[in-house]
C-alpha atoms as a PDB file:
ATOM      1  CA  UNK A   1     110.446  97.274  93.097  1.00  0.00           C
ATOM      2  CA  UNK A   2     113.052  95.259  95.281  1.00  0.00           C
ATOM      3  CA  UNK A   3     115.149  94.384  92.469  1.00  0.00           C
ATOM      4  CA  UNK A   4     115.036  97.596  91.023  1.00  0.00           C
ATOM      5  CA  UNK A   5     115.832  99.546  93.940  1.00  0.00           C
ATOM      6  CA  UNK A   6     118.595  97.554  94.350  1.00  0.00           C
ATOM      7  CA  UNK A   7     120.104  98.012  90.884  1.00  0.00           C
ATOM      8  CA  UNK A   8     119.149 101.917  90.687  1.00  0.00           C
ATOM      9  CA  UNK A   9     120.782 102.201  94.609  1.00  0.00           C
ATOM     10  CA  UNK A  10     123.694  99.667  94.614  1.00  0.00           C
ATOM     11  CA  UNK A  11     126.162 102.731  94.858  1.00  0.00           C
ATOM     12  CA  UNK A  12     124.734 103.368  98.691  1.00  0.00           C
ATOM     13  CA  UNK A  13     127.085  99.804  99.638  1.00  0.00           C
ATOM     14  CA  UNK A  14     129.553 101.905  99.470  1.00  0.00           C
ATOM     15  CA  UNK A  15     129.220 104.498 102.367  1.00  0.00           C
ATOM     16  CA  UNK A  16     128.192 104.618 105.753  1.00  0.00           C
ATOM     17  CA  UNK A  17     124.164 105.319 105.321  1.00  0.00           C
ATOM     18  CA  UNK A  18     122.107 107.295 108.053  1.00  0.00           C
ATOM     19  CA  UNK A  19     118.310 106.365 107.576  1.00  0.00           C
ATOM     20  CA  UNK A  20     115.472 108.599 108.942  1.00  0.00           C
ATOM     21  CA  UNK A  21     112.834 106.416 110.083  1.00  0.00           C
ATOM     22  CA  UNK A  22     109.615 107.743 111.435  1.00  0.00           C
ATOM     23  CA  UNK A  23     107.691 104.048 111.441  1.00  0.00           C
ATOM     24  CA  UNK A  24     105.393 105.291 108.829  1.00  0.00           C
ATOM     25  CA  UNK A  25     104.660 103.066 105.457  1.00  0.00           C
ATOM     26  CA  UNK A  26     107.170 105.091 103.572  1.00  0.00           C
ATOM     27  CA  UNK A  27     110.357 104.744 105.854  1.00  0.00           C
ATOM     28  CA  UNK A  28     109.603 101.348 106.749  1.00  0.00           C
ATOM     29  CA  UNK A  29     109.601 100.464 103.027  1.00  0.00           C
ATOM     30  CA  UNK A  30     112.836 101.777 102.836  1.00  0.00           C
ATOM     31  CA  UNK A  31     114.257 100.438 105.618  1.00  0.00           C
ATOM     32  CA  UNK A  32     113.339  97.058 104.350  1.00  0.00           C
ATOM     33  CA  UNK A  33     114.652  97.490 100.752  1.00  0.00           C
ATOM     34  CA  UNK A  34     118.277  98.664 102.152  1.00  0.00           C
ATOM     35  CA  UNK A  35     118.117  95.341 104.381  1.00  0.00           C
ATOM     36  CA  UNK A  36     116.883  93.141 101.933  1.00  0.00           C
ATOM     37  CA  UNK A  37     119.131  94.211  99.176  1.00  0.00           C
ATOM     38  CA  UNK A  38     122.390  94.323 101.005  1.00  0.00           C
ATOM     39  CA  UNK A  39     124.199  92.942 104.152  1.00  0.00           C
ATOM     40  CA  UNK A  40     125.250  95.990 105.526  1.00  0.00           C
ATOM     41  CA  UNK A  41     127.702  95.384 108.558  1.00  0.00           C
ATOM     42  CA  UNK A  42     127.052  96.866 112.200  1.00  0.00           C
ATOM     43  CA  UNK A  43     128.601 100.464 111.500  1.00  0.00           C
ATOM     44  CA  UNK A  44     127.303 100.524 107.830  1.00  0.00           C
ATOM     45  CA  UNK A  45     123.917 101.585 108.337  1.00  0.00           C
ATOM     46  CA  UNK A  46     122.481 103.207 111.078  1.00  0.00           C
ATOM     47  CA  UNK A  47     118.712 104.644 112.059  1.00  0.00           C
ATOM     48  CA  UNK A  48     117.370 107.865 112.952  1.00  0.00           C
ATOM     49  CA  UNK A  49     114.383 108.723 114.525  1.00  0.00           C
ATOM     50  CA  UNK A  50     112.661 111.997 116.213  1.00  0.00           C
ATOM     51  CA  UNK A  51     109.624 111.771 118.643  1.00  0.00           C
ATOM     52  CA  UNK A  52     107.603 114.559 117.796  1.00  0.00           C
ATOM     53  CA  UNK A  53     105.351 114.124 121.106  1.00  0.00           C
ATOM     54  CA  UNK A  54     102.670 115.389 119.142  1.00  0.00           C
ATOM     55  CA  UNK A  55     100.764 111.955 119.832  1.00  0.00           C
ATOM     56  CA  UNK A  56     100.282 109.497 122.249  1.00  0.00           C
ATOM     57  CA  UNK A  57     101.106 106.850 120.026  1.00  0.00           C
ATOM     58  CA  UNK A  58     104.511 108.375 119.220  1.00  0.00           C
ATOM     59  CA  UNK A  59     106.060 106.572 122.540  1.00  0.00           C
ATOM     60  CA  UNK A  60     104.827 102.940 121.511  1.00  0.00           C
ATOM     61  CA  UNK A  61     106.129 103.712 117.637  1.00  0.00           C
ATOM     62  CA  UNK A  62     109.793 104.937 118.936  1.00  0.00           C
ATOM     63  CA  UNK A  63     109.595 101.586 121.283  1.00  0.00           C
ATOM     64  CA  UNK A  64     108.857  99.045 118.633  1.00  0.00           C
ATOM     65  CA  UNK A  65     111.380 100.785 116.061  1.00  0.00           C
ATOM     66  CA  UNK A  66     114.125 100.533 118.957  1.00  0.00           C
ATOM     67  CA  UNK A  67     113.388  96.640 119.362  1.00  0.00           C
ATOM     68  CA  UNK A  68     113.356  96.290 115.630  1.00  0.00           C
ATOM     69  CA  UNK A  69     116.917  97.541 115.279  1.00  0.00           C
ATOM     70  CA  UNK A  70     118.033  95.963 118.247  1.00  0.00           C
ATOM     71  CA  UNK A  71     116.960  92.591 116.852  1.00  0.00           C
ATOM     72  CA  UNK A  72     118.662  93.457 113.650  1.00  0.00           C
ATOM     73  CA  UNK A  73     122.063  94.466 115.519  1.00  0.00           C
ATOM     74  CA  UNK A  74     121.249  98.023 113.586  1.00  0.00           C
ATOM     75  CA  UNK A  75     122.646 100.783 115.579  1.00  0.00           C
ATOM     76  CA  UNK A  76     119.719 103.036 116.504  1.00  0.00           C
ATOM     77  CA  UNK A  77     119.558 107.026 117.405  1.00  0.00           C
ATOM     78  CA  UNK A  78     116.642 108.876 119.045  1.00  0.00           C
ATOM     79  CA  UNK A  79     115.902 112.406 119.654  1.00  0.00           C
ATOM     80  CA  UNK A  80     112.511 113.950 121.612  1.00  0.00           C
ATOM     81  CA  UNK A  81     111.355 117.470 120.364  1.00  0.00           C
ATOM     82  CA  UNK A  82     109.546 119.384 122.429  1.00  0.00           C
ATOM     83  CA  UNK A  83     106.452 120.875 120.331  1.00  0.00           C
ATOM     84  CA  UNK A  84     106.482 124.902 119.657  1.00  0.00           C
ATOM     85  CA  UNK A  85     102.965 126.336 119.679  1.00  0.00           C
ATOM     86  CA  UNK A  86     103.668 127.980 116.269  1.00  0.00           C
ATOM     87  CA  UNK A  87     105.075 127.070 112.919  1.00  0.00           C
ATOM     88  CA  UNK A  88     105.007 123.476 114.162  1.00  0.00           C
ATOM     89  CA  UNK A  89     105.866 121.750 110.863  1.00  0.00           C
ATOM     90  CA  UNK A  90     108.487 124.294 110.038  1.00  0.00           C
ATOM     91  CA  UNK A  91     110.233 123.961 113.551  1.00  0.00           C
ATOM     92  CA  UNK A  92     109.899 120.266 113.466  1.00  0.00           C
ATOM     93  CA  UNK A  93     111.866 119.889 110.310  1.00  0.00           C
ATOM     94  CA  UNK A  94     114.566 122.000 111.405  1.00  0.00           C
ATOM     95  CA  UNK A  95     115.042 119.794 114.452  1.00  0.00           C
ATOM     96  CA  UNK A  96     114.787 116.648 112.641  1.00  0.00           C
ATOM     97  CA  UNK A  97     117.671 117.908 110.141  1.00  0.00           C
ATOM     98  CA  UNK A  98     120.086 119.350 112.504  1.00  0.00           C
ATOM     99  CA  UNK A  99     119.583 116.228 114.876  1.00  0.00           C
ATOM    100  CA  UNK A 100     120.772 114.010 111.751  1.00  0.00           C
ATOM    101  CA  UNK A 101     123.148 116.506 110.496  1.00  0.00           C
ATOM    102  CA  UNK A 102     124.805 116.055 114.435  1.00  0.00           C
ATOM    103  CA  UNK A 103     124.975 112.134 114.171  1.00  0.00           C
ATOM    104  CA  UNK A 104     126.287 111.983 110.930  1.00  0.00           C
ATOM    105  CA  UNK A 105     129.120 114.997 111.747  1.00  0.00           C
ATOM    106  CA  UNK A 106     129.976 112.694 115.182  1.00  0.00           C
ATOM    107  CA  UNK A 107     129.538 109.262 114.029  1.00  0.00           C
ATOM    108  CA  UNK A 108     131.016 109.941 110.250  1.00  0.00           C
ATOM    109  CA  UNK A 109     127.843 108.693 108.198  1.00  0.00           C
ATOM    110  CA  UNK A 110     128.299 110.112 104.569  1.00  0.00           C
ATOM    111  CA  UNK A 111     124.760 109.665 103.276  1.00  0.00           C
ATOM    112  CA  UNK A 112     121.253 110.507 104.742  1.00  0.00           C
ATOM    113  CA  UNK A 113     118.366 108.320 103.374  1.00  0.00           C
ATOM    114  CA  UNK A 114     114.841 110.204 103.397  1.00  0.00           C
ATOM    115  CA  UNK A 115     111.686 108.457 102.436  1.00  0.00           C
ATOM    116  CA  UNK A 116     110.200 110.961  99.966  1.00  0.00           C
ATOM    117  CA  UNK A 117     108.029 109.781  97.648  1.00  0.00           C
ATOM    118  CA  UNK A 118     106.407 111.109  94.380  1.00  0.00           C
ATOM    119  CA  UNK A 119     103.200 112.477  96.179  1.00  0.00           C
ATOM    120  CA  UNK A 120     105.400 113.976  98.346  1.00  0.00           C
ATOM    121  CA  UNK A 121     106.912 116.090  95.278  1.00  0.00           C
ATOM    122  CA  UNK A 122     103.593 116.795  93.889  1.00  0.00           C
ATOM    123  CA  UNK A 123     102.451 117.952  97.185  1.00  0.00           C
ATOM    124  CA  UNK A 124     105.680 120.092  97.980  1.00  0.00           C
ATOM    125  CA  UNK A 125     105.397 121.442  94.287  1.00  0.00           C
ATOM    126  CA  UNK A 126     101.625 122.867  94.544  1.00  0.00           C
ATOM    127  CA  UNK A 127     102.572 124.186  98.439  1.00  0.00           C
ATOM    128  CA  UNK A 128     105.594 125.873  97.156  1.00  0.00           C
ATOM    129  CA  UNK A 129     104.237 127.633  93.872  1.00  0.00           C
ATOM    130  CA  UNK A 130     101.012 128.712  95.827  1.00  0.00           C
ATOM    131  CA  UNK A 131     102.962 130.121  98.517  1.00  0.00           C
ATOM    132  CA  UNK A 132     105.944 131.464  97.013  1.00  0.00           C
ATOM    133  CA  UNK A 133     104.830 132.417  93.477  1.00  0.00           C
ATOM    134  CA  UNK A 134     108.628 131.850  92.432  1.00  0.00           C
ATOM    135  CA  UNK A 135     109.221 129.524  88.978  1.00  0.00           C
ATOM    136  CA  UNK A 136     112.023 127.984  91.319  1.00  0.00           C
ATOM    137  CA  UNK A 137     109.608 126.616  93.848  1.00  0.00           C
ATOM    138  CA  UNK A 138     108.951 123.872  90.973  1.00  0.00           C
ATOM    139  CA  UNK A 139     112.044 122.215  91.450  1.00  0.00           C
ATOM    140  CA  UNK A 140     110.405 120.624  94.548  1.00  0.00           C
ATOM    141  CA  UNK A 141     112.249 118.194  96.511  1.00  0.00           C
ATOM    142  CA  UNK A 142     115.508 117.411  94.861  1.00  0.00           C
ATOM    143  CA  UNK A 143     116.755 113.944  94.624  1.00  0.00           C
ATOM    144  CA  UNK A 144     119.843 114.704  96.411  1.00  0.00           C
ATOM    145  CA  UNK A 145     121.914 117.707  97.822  1.00  0.00           C
ATOM    146  CA  UNK A 146     125.090 118.140  99.975  1.00  0.00           C
ATOM    147  CA  UNK A 147     124.357 117.943 103.721  1.00  0.00           C
ATOM    148  CA  UNK A 148     126.299 117.660 106.711  1.00  0.00           C
ATOM    149  CA  UNK A 149     130.334 117.774 106.740  1.00  0.00           C
ATOM    150  CA  UNK A 150     131.040 116.551 103.013  1.00  0.00           C
ATOM    151  CA  UNK A 151     127.734 113.982 103.025  1.00  0.00           C
ATOM    152  CA  UNK A 152     124.773 113.738 101.082  1.00  0.00           C
ATOM    153  CA  UNK A 153     120.900 113.879 101.674  1.00  0.00           C
ATOM    154  CA  UNK A 154     119.368 111.165  99.215  1.00  0.00           C
ATOM    155  CA  UNK A 155     115.413 110.451  98.611  1.00  0.00           C
ATOM    156  CA  UNK A 156     115.900 107.015  96.708  1.00  0.00           C
ATOM    157  CA  UNK A 157     112.217 106.573  96.697  1.00  0.00           C
ATOM    158  CA  UNK A 158     111.338 109.828  94.892  1.00  0.00           C
ATOM    159  CA  UNK A 159     110.103 108.107  91.517  1.00  0.00           C
ATOM    160  CA  UNK A 160     107.636 106.071  93.666  1.00  0.00           C
ATOM    161  CA  UNK A 161     103.997 106.651  94.283  1.00  0.00           C
ATOM    162  CA  UNK A 162     102.769 106.111  97.711  1.00  0.00           C
ATOM    163  CA  UNK A 163     100.060 103.407  96.287  1.00  0.00           C
ATOM    164  CA  UNK A 164     103.342 101.542  95.323  1.00  0.00           C
ATOM    165  CA  UNK A 165     104.831 101.758  98.713  1.00  0.00           C
ATOM    166  CA  UNK A 166     101.859 100.430 100.461  1.00  0.00           C
ATOM    167  CA  UNK A 167     101.420  97.459  97.843  1.00  0.00           C
ATOM    168  CA  UNK A 168     105.139  96.511  98.652  1.00  0.00           C
ATOM    169  CA  UNK A 169     104.406  96.797 102.540  1.00  0.00           C
ATOM    170  CA  UNK A 170     101.439  94.504 102.160  1.00  0.00           C
ATOM    171  CA  UNK A 171     103.627  91.557 100.089  1.00  0.00           C
ATOM    172  CA  UNK A 172     106.224  91.834 102.746  1.00  0.00           C
ATOM    173  CA  UNK A 173     104.121  91.802 105.555  1.00  0.00           C
ATOM    174  CA  UNK A 174     105.555  94.888 106.891  1.00  0.00           C
ATOM    175  CA  UNK A 175     104.594  96.434 110.466  1.00  0.00           C
ATOM    176  CA  UNK A 176     104.109 100.405 110.004  1.00  0.00           C
ATOM    177  CA  UNK A 177     102.031 102.862 111.709  1.00  0.00           C
ATOM    178  CA  UNK A 178      99.863 105.711 110.608  1.00  0.00           C
ATOM    179  CA  UNK A 179      99.880 108.985 111.676  1.00  0.00           C
ATOM    180  CA  UNK A 180      96.456 109.889 112.535  1.00  0.00           C
ATOM    181  CA  UNK A 181      97.387 113.896 112.214  1.00  0.00           C
ATOM    182  CA  UNK A 182      97.938 113.222 108.434  1.00  0.00           C
ATOM    183  CA  UNK A 183      94.020 113.368 108.157  1.00  0.00           C
ATOM    184  CA  UNK A 184      93.877 116.565 109.629  1.00  0.00           C
ATOM    185  CA  UNK A 185      92.811 119.320 107.525  1.00  0.00           C
ATOM    186  CA  UNK A 186      94.463 121.846 109.777  1.00  0.00           C
ATOM    187  CA  UNK A 187      97.574 121.796 107.613  1.00  0.00           C
ATOM    188  CA  UNK A 188      98.133 123.281 104.556  1.00  0.00           C
ATOM    189  CA  UNK A 189      99.871 119.712 102.540  1.00  0.00           C
ATOM    190  CA  UNK A 190      97.029 117.899 104.037  1.00  0.00           C
ATOM    191  CA  UNK A 191      94.296 119.982 102.335  1.00  0.00           C
ATOM    192  CA  UNK A 192      96.093 119.431  99.205  1.00  0.00           C
ATOM    193  CA  UNK A 193      96.681 115.468  99.916  1.00  0.00           C
ATOM    194  CA  UNK A 194      93.089 115.040 100.549  1.00  0.00           C
ATOM    195  CA  UNK A 195      91.112 117.753  98.698  1.00  0.00           C
ATOM    196  CA  UNK A 196      93.395 118.759  95.719  1.00  0.00           C
ATOM    197  CA  UNK A 197      95.326 115.724  94.651  1.00  0.00           C
ATOM    198  CA  UNK A 198      92.563 113.291  94.233  1.00  0.00           C
ATOM    199  CA  UNK A 199      90.914 115.889  91.795  1.00  0.00           C
ATOM    200  CA  UNK A 200      94.151 116.077  89.754  1.00  0.00           C
ATOM    201  CA  UNK A 201      94.822 112.341  89.529  1.00  0.00           C
ATOM    202  CA  UNK A 202      91.472 111.616  88.547  1.00  0.00           C
ATOM    203  CA  UNK A 203      91.965 114.417  85.369  1.00  0.00           C
ATOM    204  CA  UNK A 204      95.565 112.941  85.275  1.00  0.00           C
ATOM    205  CA  UNK A 205      96.837 109.191  86.151  1.00  0.00           C
ATOM    206  CA  UNK A 206     100.033 110.123  85.365  1.00  0.00           C
ATOM    207  CA  UNK A 207     100.076 113.099  87.780  1.00  0.00           C
ATOM    208  CA  UNK A 208     103.368 112.242  89.732  1.00  0.00           C
ATOM    209  CA  UNK A 209     105.226 111.523  86.606  1.00  0.00           C
ATOM    210  CA  UNK A 210     104.583 114.948  84.881  1.00  0.00           C
ATOM    211  CA  UNK A 211     105.625 116.787  87.719  1.00  0.00           C
ATOM    212  CA  UNK A 212     108.549 114.982  88.357  1.00  0.00           C
ATOM    213  CA  UNK A 213     109.344 116.103  84.692  1.00  0.00           C
ATOM    214  CA  UNK A 214     108.679 119.455  85.547  1.00  0.00           C
ATOM    215  CA  UNK A 215     110.565 119.496  88.239  1.00  0.00           C
ATOM    216  CA  UNK A 216     113.763 117.570  86.324  1.00  0.00           C
ATOM    217  CA  UNK A 217     113.373 120.249  83.812  1.00  0.00           C
ATOM    218  CA  UNK A 218     113.483 123.360  86.260  1.00  0.00           C
ATOM    219  CA  UNK A 219     116.545 121.738  88.210  1.00  0.00           C
ATOM    220  CA  UNK A 220     118.590 121.382  84.651  1.00  0.00           C
ATOM    221  CA  UNK A 221     117.458 125.133  83.538  1.00  0.00           C
ATOM    222  CA  UNK A 222     118.532 126.520  86.937  1.00  0.00           C
ATOM    223  CA  UNK A 223     121.841 124.668  86.722  1.00  0.00           C
ATOM    224  CA  UNK A 224     122.176 125.930  83.170  1.00  0.00           C
ATOM    225  CA  UNK A 225     121.418 129.643  84.063  1.00  0.00           C
ATOM    226  CA  UNK A 226     123.841 129.598  87.271  1.00  0.00           C
ATOM    227  CA  UNK A 227     126.697 128.842  85.234  1.00  0.00           C
ATOM    228  CA  UNK A 228     126.039 131.251  82.462  1.00  0.00           C
ATOM    229  CA  UNK A 229     125.611 133.791  85.147  1.00  0.00           C
ATOM    230  CA  UNK A 230     128.097 132.988  87.310  1.00  0.00           C
ATOM    231  CA  UNK A 231     130.712 133.803  84.605  1.00  0.00           C
ATOM    232  CA  UNK A 232     129.122 137.144  83.783  1.00  0.00           C
ATOM    233  CA  UNK A 233     128.635 137.846  87.632  1.00  0.00           C
ATOM    234  CA  UNK A 234     132.470 137.312  87.675  1.00  0.00           C
ATOM    235  CA  UNK A 235     133.257 139.855  84.857  1.00  0.00           C
ATOM    236  CA  UNK A 236     130.517 142.821  86.540  1.00  0.00           C
ATOM    237  CA  UNK A 237     130.753 142.240  90.200  1.00  0.00           C
ATOM    238  CA  UNK A 238     133.584 142.790  92.409  1.00  0.00           C
ATOM    239  CA  UNK A 239     134.018 142.514  96.001  1.00  0.00           C
ATOM    240  CA  UNK A 240     134.539 145.940  98.031  1.00  0.00           C
ATOM    241  CA  UNK A 241     135.246 147.084 101.598  1.00  0.00           C
ATOM    242  CA  UNK A 242     131.444 147.672 101.907  1.00  0.00           C
ATOM    243  CA  UNK A 243     130.070 145.072  99.961  1.00  0.00           C
ATOM    244  CA  UNK A 244     130.196 145.106  96.002  1.00  0.00           C
ATOM    245  CA  UNK A 245     130.903 147.067  92.970  1.00  0.00           C
ATOM    246  CA  UNK A 246     129.833 147.249  89.355  1.00  0.00           C
ATOM    247  CA  UNK A 247     130.592 149.006  86.528  1.00  0.00           C
ATOM    248  CA  UNK A 248     127.399 150.374  85.048  1.00  0.00           C
ATOM    249  CA  UNK A 249     128.730 150.691  81.349  1.00  0.00           C
ATOM    250  CA  UNK A 250     129.244 147.066  81.377  1.00  0.00           C
ATOM    251  CA  UNK A 251     126.033 146.118  82.939  1.00  0.00           C
ATOM    252  CA  UNK A 252     124.136 148.312  80.491  1.00  0.00           C
ATOM    253  CA  UNK A 253     125.682 145.928  77.618  1.00  0.00           C
ATOM    254  CA  UNK A 254     123.303 143.132  78.904  1.00  0.00           C
ATOM    255  CA  UNK A 255     119.696 142.754  78.288  1.00  0.00           C
ATOM    256  CA  UNK A 256     117.150 143.890  80.410  1.00  0.00           C
ATOM    257  CA  UNK A 257     116.433 140.216  81.292  1.00  0.00           C
ATOM    258  CA  UNK A 258     120.196 139.251  81.991  1.00  0.00           C
ATOM    259  CA  UNK A 259     120.456 142.207  84.464  1.00  0.00           C
ATOM    260  CA  UNK A 260     117.072 141.273  86.328  1.00  0.00           C
ATOM    261  CA  UNK A 261     118.771 137.567  86.751  1.00  0.00           C
ATOM    262  CA  UNK A 262     122.046 138.704  87.885  1.00  0.00           C
ATOM    263  CA  UNK A 263     120.584 141.033  90.370  1.00  0.00           C
ATOM    264  CA  UNK A 264     118.505 138.656  91.644  1.00  0.00           C
ATOM    265  CA  UNK A 265     121.088 136.195  92.053  1.00  0.00           C
END
């Protein structure tokens, strides 16, 4: 895995990188892969950690990570989140990414890495499909996207299953921490992880690979539709003082499906 990762992600050496680390197995594996493959200078790789203050153990985990980075002379940034009473997952996520963005904009890091893996991808696709009922939900977690000031958010572990990450951590004797809240069925994602995925994987051992193929197909088709609709939209829609104007006679020259898609966009 180490050699494959190094070849696939060699381009990262060209940019200052900020790595989001939770101290879980996923992000500790990603951090080890980065350090094992390249000799980053002190200013080219940094670690960002958010203490969500939802568990007593989080203080110890943050202390461990700070010491880990200090020992290796890796710049370390930490923020503490004040938990909310409702929408905990959504609010925590919003806080994390705002924190990461502020570091990148202030310190000049151009790439943010997160340790999402293929099991995360399957969970996310199922969650979004159930909640949203939209085809676009099947994009799942995209491998990369624009982020911060002219930066990128990249998920380099998206093609690896969680079991592979555990095996790597065992081989490298990495220290990581398990979040016991990941076992609680209070959260929708955890119910999918523990009650749905095992059944699906038993039926189809290549489940993660197939879901990633679906995600890639949806991304490519959306990109094509976006390109085509942009050209047609420029001909049909025109900015006005109150919003947008459209010539109905031109609109009626297009099929009902095209009209529906254009209005959705």
